[in-house]
Amino acid sequence: MQKRVARSRQTLIGKQVHLEYDGPRYDHYGRLLAYLWVDGVMLNELLLEEGFAHVAYAYHPPYKHYQRYVHAQMRAKISRKGIWAEEFFNGLLF
């Protein structure tokens, strides 16, 4: 998680961001559901592609960028990045 936070900070500090909504704005836990764009890059997708996140449940599909997320995660898995790295991955949750 520390690496994910560091990567997010590196990408976001000093930048203006744009939130894109798709479906409900909050989930039943009160979390904001949005695509986060910075300098034309979707941070959500970047974190997936670098193996710092994984695709969770989609309660109200279809979401506009869902397939992008799935493909970004697949690229991270194939490249064994982040949580998909051999030393990290034990097959417990993913």
N, C-alpha and C. Protein backbone atom coordinates (compact mmCIF):
# COMPACT_ATOMS: atom_id res chain seq x y z
N MET A 1 0.81 -1.18 0.00
CA MET A 1 0.00 0.00 0.00
C MET A 1 0.86 1.26 0.00
N GLN A 2 2.00 1.19 0.66
CA GLN A 2 2.88 2.36 0.69
C GLN A 2 3.30 2.78 -0.72
N LYS A 3 3.61 1.80 -1.56
CA LYS A 3 4.03 2.12 -2.92
C LYS A 3 2.90 2.75 -3.71
N ARG A 4 1.68 2.27 -3.48
CA ARG A 4 0.52 2.83 -4.18
C ARG A 4 0.32 4.29 -3.78
N VAL A 5 0.43 4.57 -2.49
CA VAL A 5 0.27 5.93 -2.00
C VAL A 5 1.37 6.82 -2.55
N ALA A 6 2.61 6.32 -2.55
CA ALA A 6 3.73 7.10 -3.09
C ALA A 6 3.53 7.38 -4.57
N ARG A 7 3.06 6.39 -5.32
CA ARG A 7 2.84 6.58 -6.75
C ARG A 7 1.72 7.59 -6.98
N SER A 8 0.68 7.52 -6.20
CA SER A 8 -0.43 8.47 -6.33
C SER A 8 0.05 9.88 -6.03
N ARG A 9 0.80 10.04 -4.97
CA ARG A 9 1.32 11.37 -4.63
C ARG A 9 2.22 11.91 -5.73
N GLN A 10 3.10 11.05 -6.23
CA GLN A 10 4.02 11.47 -7.30
C GLN A 10 3.22 11.97 -8.51
N THR A 11 2.14 11.32 -8.80
CA THR A 11 1.33 11.67 -9.97
C THR A 11 0.46 12.91 -9.72
N LEU A 12 0.02 13.11 -8.49
CA LEU A 12 -0.99 14.13 -8.21
C LEU A 12 -0.49 15.45 -7.64
N ILE A 13 0.59 15.45 -6.89
CA ILE A 13 1.02 16.67 -6.19
C ILE A 13 1.26 17.80 -7.19
N GLY A 14 0.64 18.93 -6.90
CA GLY A 14 0.80 20.12 -7.72
C GLY A 14 0.00 20.12 -9.00
N LYS A 15 -0.87 19.15 -9.20
CA LYS A 15 -1.63 19.03 -10.44
C LYS A 15 -3.10 19.31 -10.19
N GLN A 16 -3.78 19.73 -11.24
CA GLN A 16 -5.23 19.84 -11.18
C GLN A 16 -5.79 18.52 -11.68
N VAL A 17 -6.83 18.07 -11.02
CA VAL A 17 -7.44 16.80 -11.39
C VAL A 17 -8.87 17.04 -11.84
N HIS A 18 -9.37 16.07 -12.56
CA HIS A 18 -10.75 16.10 -13.04
C HIS A 18 -11.40 14.79 -12.62
N LEU A 19 -12.57 14.89 -12.02
CA LEU A 19 -13.34 13.70 -11.66
C LEU A 19 -14.40 13.45 -12.72
N GLU A 20 -14.51 12.20 -13.13
CA GLU A 20 -15.55 11.80 -14.10
C GLU A 20 -16.44 10.78 -13.40
N TYR A 21 -17.72 11.04 -13.40
CA TYR A 21 -18.67 10.15 -12.73
C TYR A 21 -19.36 9.26 -13.75
N ASP A 22 -19.73 8.07 -13.29
CA ASP A 22 -20.37 7.08 -14.16
C ASP A 22 -21.21 6.19 -13.26
N GLY A 23 -22.49 6.41 -13.23
CA GLY A 23 -23.34 5.65 -12.32
C GLY A 23 -23.46 6.37 -10.99
N PRO A 24 -23.73 5.63 -9.92
CA PRO A 24 -23.91 6.28 -8.62
C PRO A 24 -22.61 6.95 -8.16
N ARG A 25 -22.74 8.09 -7.49
CA ARG A 25 -21.53 8.81 -7.04
C ARG A 25 -20.92 8.20 -5.79
N TYR A 26 -21.72 7.49 -5.01
CA TYR A 26 -21.21 6.87 -3.78
C TYR A 26 -21.69 5.44 -3.69
N ASP A 27 -20.86 4.58 -3.09
CA ASP A 27 -21.31 3.21 -2.85
C ASP A 27 -21.99 3.14 -1.48
N HIS A 28 -22.44 1.95 -1.11
CA HIS A 28 -23.19 1.84 0.15
C HIS A 28 -22.30 1.99 1.38
N TYR A 29 -20.99 2.13 1.21
CA TYR A 29 -20.07 2.43 2.31
C TYR A 29 -19.74 3.92 2.38
N GLY A 30 -20.31 4.71 1.47
CA GLY A 30 -20.07 6.14 1.45
C GLY A 30 -18.82 6.55 0.69
N ARG A 31 -18.20 5.61 -0.04
CA ARG A 31 -17.00 5.94 -0.81
C ARG A 31 -17.39 6.60 -2.13
N LEU A 32 -16.63 7.63 -2.49
CA LEU A 32 -16.84 8.33 -3.75
C LEU A 32 -16.41 7.42 -4.90
N LEU A 33 -17.27 7.28 -5.88
CA LEU A 33 -16.98 6.47 -7.07
C LEU A 33 -16.76 7.40 -8.25
N ALA A 34 -15.52 7.52 -8.68
CA ALA A 34 -15.21 8.42 -9.79
C ALA A 34 -13.94 7.97 -10.48
N TYR A 35 -13.82 8.34 -11.74
CA TYR A 35 -12.57 8.18 -12.47
C TYR A 35 -11.77 9.45 -12.19
N LEU A 36 -10.53 9.30 -11.86
CA LEU A 36 -9.68 10.44 -11.52
C LEU A 36 -8.68 10.66 -12.64
N TRP A 37 -8.80 11.80 -13.31
CA TRP A 37 -7.95 12.16 -14.44
C TRP A 37 -6.96 13.23 -14.02
N VAL A 38 -5.71 13.08 -14.41
CA VAL A 38 -4.68 14.09 -14.18
C VAL A 38 -3.81 14.14 -15.43
N ASP A 39 -3.69 15.30 -16.02
CA ASP A 39 -2.90 15.48 -17.25
C ASP A 39 -3.28 14.47 -18.33
N GLY A 40 -4.57 14.20 -18.48
CA GLY A 40 -5.04 13.29 -19.53
C GLY A 40 -4.85 11.82 -19.23
N VAL A 41 -4.38 11.48 -18.04
CA VAL A 41 -4.16 10.09 -17.64
C VAL A 41 -5.15 9.73 -16.54
N MET A 42 -5.81 8.58 -16.67
CA MET A 42 -6.74 8.12 -15.65
C MET A 42 -5.93 7.42 -14.56
N LEU A 43 -5.86 8.02 -13.37
CA LEU A 43 -5.06 7.46 -12.28
C LEU A 43 -5.52 6.06 -11.91
N ASN A 44 -6.82 5.82 -11.91
CA ASN A 44 -7.35 4.50 -11.58
C ASN A 44 -6.73 3.43 -12.48
N GLU A 45 -6.70 3.70 -13.77
CA GLU A 45 -6.16 2.75 -14.74
C GLU A 45 -4.64 2.60 -14.57
N LEU A 46 -3.96 3.70 -14.31
CA LEU A 46 -2.52 3.67 -14.10
C LEU A 46 -2.16 2.77 -12.92
N LEU A 47 -2.89 2.90 -11.81
CA LEU A 47 -2.62 2.06 -10.64
C LEU A 47 -2.89 0.58 -10.93
N LEU A 48 -3.91 0.30 -11.73
CA LEU A 48 -4.17 -1.08 -12.13
C LEU A 48 -3.04 -1.62 -12.99
N GLU A 49 -2.61 -0.84 -13.96
CA GLU A 49 -1.58 -1.28 -14.89
C GLU A 49 -0.23 -1.50 -14.21
N GLU A 50 0.03 -0.74 -13.15
CA GLU A 50 1.29 -0.89 -12.43
C GLU A 50 1.19 -1.93 -11.30
N GLY A 51 0.03 -2.55 -11.18
CA GLY A 51 -0.13 -3.61 -10.18
C GLY A 51 -0.31 -3.10 -8.76
N PHE A 52 -0.76 -1.86 -8.62
CA PHE A 52 -1.00 -1.28 -7.29
C PHE A 52 -2.47 -1.37 -6.88
N ALA A 53 -3.30 -1.96 -7.73
CA ALA A 53 -4.73 -2.09 -7.45
C ALA A 53 -5.25 -3.31 -8.20
N HIS A 54 -6.47 -3.69 -7.90
CA HIS A 54 -7.12 -4.76 -8.65
C HIS A 54 -8.57 -4.40 -8.88
N VAL A 55 -9.15 -4.98 -9.91
CA VAL A 55 -10.55 -4.73 -10.24
C VAL A 55 -11.41 -5.44 -9.21
N ALA A 56 -12.28 -4.68 -8.57
CA ALA A 56 -13.18 -5.24 -7.57
C ALA A 56 -14.54 -5.50 -8.20
N TYR A 57 -15.50 -5.66 -7.38
CA TYR A 57 -16.85 -5.96 -7.84
C TYR A 57 -17.48 -4.76 -8.53
N ALA A 58 -18.25 -5.04 -9.56
CA ALA A 58 -19.01 -3.99 -10.25
C ALA A 58 -20.48 -4.23 -9.94
N TYR A 59 -21.05 -3.39 -9.08
CA TYR A 59 -22.42 -3.59 -8.63
C TYR A 59 -23.47 -3.07 -9.60
N HIS A 60 -23.13 -2.04 -10.35
CA HIS A 60 -24.12 -1.45 -11.25
C HIS A 60 -23.57 -1.31 -12.66
N PRO A 61 -23.12 -2.42 -13.27
CA PRO A 61 -22.57 -2.30 -14.62
C PRO A 61 -23.67 -1.97 -15.62
N PRO A 62 -23.34 -1.56 -16.82
CA PRO A 62 -21.97 -1.45 -17.32
C PRO A 62 -21.38 -0.08 -16.98
N TYR A 63 -20.12 -0.07 -16.66
CA TYR A 63 -19.40 1.17 -16.43
C TYR A 63 -18.60 1.52 -17.68
N LYS A 64 -18.50 2.78 -17.95
CA LYS A 64 -17.87 3.27 -19.17
C LYS A 64 -16.46 2.73 -19.39
N HIS A 65 -15.64 2.69 -18.36
CA HIS A 65 -14.24 2.30 -18.50
C HIS A 65 -13.92 0.93 -17.92
N TYR A 66 -14.93 0.12 -17.64
CA TYR A 66 -14.71 -1.19 -17.01
C TYR A 66 -13.75 -2.07 -17.81
N GLN A 67 -13.94 -2.15 -19.11
CA GLN A 67 -13.07 -3.01 -19.93
C GLN A 67 -11.63 -2.50 -19.93
N ARG A 68 -11.44 -1.19 -19.89
CA ARG A 68 -10.08 -0.63 -19.77
C ARG A 68 -9.43 -1.11 -18.49
N TYR A 69 -10.22 -1.12 -17.41
CA TYR A 69 -9.70 -1.60 -16.12
C TYR A 69 -9.29 -3.06 -16.20
N VAL A 70 -10.15 -3.87 -16.77
CA VAL A 70 -9.87 -5.30 -16.88
C VAL A 70 -8.60 -5.54 -17.70
N HIS A 71 -8.47 -4.82 -18.80
CA HIS A 71 -7.28 -4.98 -19.65
C HIS A 71 -6.02 -4.48 -18.95
N ALA A 72 -6.11 -3.37 -18.22
CA ALA A 72 -4.95 -2.85 -17.49
C ALA A 72 -4.51 -3.86 -16.43
N GLN A 73 -5.47 -4.45 -15.74
CA GLN A 73 -5.14 -5.46 -14.73
C GLN A 73 -4.49 -6.68 -15.38
N MET A 74 -5.00 -7.08 -16.51
CA MET A 74 -4.45 -8.25 -17.21
C MET A 74 -3.00 -7.98 -17.62
N ARG A 75 -2.70 -6.77 -18.08
CA ARG A 75 -1.32 -6.43 -18.44
C ARG A 75 -0.41 -6.50 -17.21
N ALA A 76 -0.90 -6.04 -16.07
CA ALA A 76 -0.11 -6.10 -14.83
C ALA A 76 0.13 -7.55 -14.42
N LYS A 77 -0.90 -8.39 -14.54
CA LYS A 77 -0.76 -9.81 -14.19
C LYS A 77 0.27 -10.48 -15.09
N ILE A 78 0.15 -10.26 -16.39
CA ILE A 78 1.07 -10.88 -17.34
C ILE A 78 2.51 -10.43 -17.08
N SER A 79 2.67 -9.15 -16.73
CA SER A 79 4.01 -8.61 -16.46
C SER A 79 4.47 -8.86 -15.03
N ARG A 80 3.58 -9.43 -14.22
CA ARG A 80 3.88 -9.71 -12.80
C ARG A 80 4.34 -8.46 -12.06
N LYS A 81 3.55 -7.41 -12.20
CA LYS A 81 3.86 -6.14 -11.54
C LYS A 81 3.10 -6.03 -10.22
N GLY A 82 3.70 -5.32 -9.27
CA GLY A 82 3.03 -4.99 -8.02
C GLY A 82 2.48 -6.20 -7.30
N ILE A 83 1.17 -6.19 -7.06
CA ILE A 83 0.55 -7.29 -6.32
C ILE A 83 0.57 -8.60 -7.09
N TRP A 84 0.88 -8.55 -8.37
CA TRP A 84 0.92 -9.75 -9.19
C TRP A 84 2.34 -10.32 -9.27
N ALA A 85 3.29 -9.67 -8.61
CA ALA A 85 4.68 -10.16 -8.61
C ALA A 85 4.74 -11.49 -7.87
N GLU A 86 5.63 -12.34 -8.30
CA GLU A 86 5.75 -13.67 -7.73
C GLU A 86 5.99 -13.65 -6.23
N GLU A 87 6.83 -12.73 -5.76
CA GLU A 87 7.13 -12.68 -4.33
C GLU A 87 5.95 -12.17 -3.50
N PHE A 88 5.01 -11.49 -4.12
CA PHE A 88 3.85 -10.97 -3.41
C PHE A 88 2.64 -11.88 -3.54
N PHE A 89 2.45 -12.40 -4.73
CA PHE A 89 1.25 -13.15 -5.06
C PHE A 89 1.30 -14.57 -4.51
N ASN A 90 0.32 -14.92 -3.69
CA ASN A 90 0.21 -16.27 -3.15
C ASN A 90 -1.08 -16.93 -3.57
N GLY A 91 -1.84 -16.28 -4.42
CA GLY A 91 -3.12 -16.84 -4.87
C GLY A 91 -4.21 -16.78 -3.82
N LEU A 92 -4.04 -15.97 -2.79
CA LEU A 92 -5.01 -15.93 -1.70
C LEU A 92 -6.31 -15.23 -2.10
N LEU A 93 -6.19 -14.06 -2.69
CA LEU A 93 -7.40 -13.30 -3.01
C LEU A 93 -7.60 -13.09 -4.50
N PHE A 94 -6.54 -13.20 -5.26
CA PHE A 94 -6.63 -12.82 -6.66
C PHE A 94 -6.52 -14.04 -7.50
